[in-house]
């Protein structure tokens, strides 16, 4: 993780032969399956080989919370939460399921932001 000169949090990931810097505020969510993580922005998707725990640790101070075993979400990108189904909808209209164990924490964070 790096900070650029304007104090904006960013992450640096390797994608095949390319090293890419992604500004944390542009990331809507991260979905991991074992060691492969898909990082989603409003317009792009990047796949890298990192553990979700790595991103959770690095981005927790920047509004990211884990909503299930394999999903980390940027709370600034949440449009609304659905109490009945325990789902969230992001600003880019992506719907994500929240685990029962993490629902109460997500709801409190959302209500207080």
Protein backbone atom coordinates (compact mmCIF):
# COMPACT_ATOMS: atom_id res chain seq x y z
CA UNK A 1 0.00 0.00 0.00
CA UNK A 2 1.19 3.45 -0.82
CA UNK A 3 0.11 7.03 -0.40
CA UNK A 4 0.66 9.40 -3.29
CA UNK A 5 1.67 13.03 -2.88
CA UNK A 6 -1.93 14.19 -2.41
CA UNK A 7 -2.46 11.87 0.59
CA UNK A 8 -4.81 9.59 -1.33
CA UNK A 9 -4.66 5.94 -0.33
CA UNK A 10 -3.82 3.62 -3.19
CA UNK A 11 -2.88 0.01 -3.65
CA UNK A 12 -0.29 -1.40 -5.99
CA UNK A 13 -1.00 -4.80 -7.51
CA UNK A 14 0.69 -6.98 -10.08
CA UNK A 15 -1.43 -8.23 -12.94
CA UNK A 16 0.59 -10.65 -15.07
CA UNK A 17 3.50 -8.49 -16.32
CA UNK A 18 1.97 -5.15 -15.33
CA UNK A 19 2.15 -3.28 -12.04
CA UNK A 20 -0.95 -1.16 -11.50
CA UNK A 21 -1.81 1.53 -8.94
CA UNK A 22 -5.48 1.78 -7.97
CA UNK A 23 -6.82 4.59 -5.81
CA UNK A 24 -8.71 3.07 -2.88
CA UNK A 25 -11.68 5.43 -3.17
CA UNK A 26 -12.29 4.19 -6.72
CA UNK A 27 -12.64 0.57 -5.57
CA UNK A 28 -16.27 -0.44 -4.99
CA UNK A 29 -15.61 -3.96 -3.74
CA UNK A 30 -13.18 -6.87 -3.75
CA UNK A 31 -14.21 -10.50 -4.20
CA UNK A 32 -11.76 -13.30 -3.44
CA UNK A 33 -11.77 -16.97 -4.29
CA UNK A 34 -8.84 -18.60 -2.50
CA UNK A 35 -5.77 -16.67 -3.68
CA UNK A 36 -7.39 -14.88 -6.61
CA UNK A 37 -8.96 -11.51 -5.85
CA UNK A 38 -11.10 -9.53 -8.25
CA UNK A 39 -10.90 -5.80 -7.56
CA UNK A 40 -13.87 -3.87 -8.95
CA UNK A 41 -13.98 -0.17 -9.70
CA UNK A 42 -16.85 1.69 -11.34
CA UNK A 43 -15.51 0.85 -14.80
CA UNK A 44 -12.92 -1.92 -14.52
CA UNK A 45 -12.10 -5.27 -12.94
CA UNK A 46 -8.59 -6.35 -12.00
CA UNK A 47 -7.52 -9.83 -10.91
CA UNK A 48 -4.50 -10.36 -8.68
CA UNK A 49 -3.08 -13.01 -6.36
CA UNK A 50 -3.51 -11.72 -2.80
CA UNK A 51 -5.50 -12.84 0.20
CA UNK A 52 -8.62 -10.90 1.15
CA UNK A 53 -7.12 -10.49 4.63
CA UNK A 54 -4.31 -8.41 3.09
CA UNK A 55 -6.79 -5.95 1.56
CA UNK A 56 -8.93 -5.93 4.70
CA UNK A 57 -5.94 -4.98 6.84
CA UNK A 58 -4.67 -2.33 4.46
CA UNK A 59 -8.02 -0.71 3.65
CA UNK A 60 -9.99 -0.95 6.91
CA UNK A 61 -9.08 2.64 7.86
CA UNK A 62 -10.44 3.84 4.51
CA UNK A 63 -14.06 2.71 4.80
CA UNK A 64 -13.70 -0.92 3.69
CA UNK A 65 -15.44 -3.66 5.66
CA UNK A 66 -15.79 -7.38 5.16
CA UNK A 67 -19.40 -8.37 4.51
CA UNK A 68 -18.84 -12.10 4.05
CA UNK A 69 -16.10 -14.68 3.95
CA UNK A 70 -15.05 -13.62 0.45
CA UNK A 71 -16.20 -10.00 -0.05
CA UNK A 72 -14.78 -6.67 1.08
CA UNK A 73 -16.82 -3.57 0.28
CA UNK A 74 -16.11 0.17 0.24
CA UNK A 75 -18.87 1.65 2.40
CA UNK A 76 -18.75 4.89 0.39
CA UNK A 77 -20.06 2.92 -2.60
CA UNK A 78 -23.13 1.47 -0.84
CA UNK A 79 -26.34 2.91 -2.25
CA UNK A 80 -28.74 1.10 0.08
CA UNK A 81 -29.19 -1.97 2.26
CA UNK A 82 -32.07 -4.43 2.09
CA UNK A 83 -33.03 -5.57 5.58
CA UNK A 84 -35.28 -8.45 4.54
CA UNK A 85 -32.81 -10.18 2.20
CA UNK A 86 -29.62 -8.93 3.92
CA UNK A 87 -28.26 -7.62 0.65
CA UNK A 88 -26.58 -4.37 -0.29
CA UNK A 89 -26.76 -2.52 -3.56
CA UNK A 90 -23.76 -0.51 -4.65
CA UNK A 91 -23.86 2.75 -6.62
CA UNK A 92 -22.95 0.80 -9.76
CA UNK A 93 -26.11 -1.35 -9.17
CA UNK A 94 -24.17 -4.47 -8.13
CA UNK A 95 -26.03 -6.48 -5.48
CA UNK A 96 -24.04 -8.36 -2.85
CA UNK A 97 -25.15 -10.79 -0.16
CA UNK A 98 -24.10 -9.99 3.41
CA UNK A 99 -23.46 -12.85 5.83
CA UNK A 100 -25.75 -13.12 8.83
CA UNK A 101 -22.79 -12.75 11.20
CA UNK A 102 -21.64 -9.49 9.61
CA UNK A 103 -25.07 -7.93 9.00
CA UNK A 104 -25.43 -6.08 12.31
CA UNK A 105 -21.99 -4.47 12.02
CA UNK A 106 -22.58 -3.43 8.40
CA UNK A 107 -25.96 -1.95 9.30
CA UNK A 108 -24.48 0.10 12.16
CA UNK A 109 -21.65 1.38 9.95
CA UNK A 110 -24.09 2.30 7.19
CA UNK A 111 -26.49 4.09 9.56
CA UNK A 112 -23.66 6.11 11.12
CA UNK A 113 -21.92 7.17 7.91
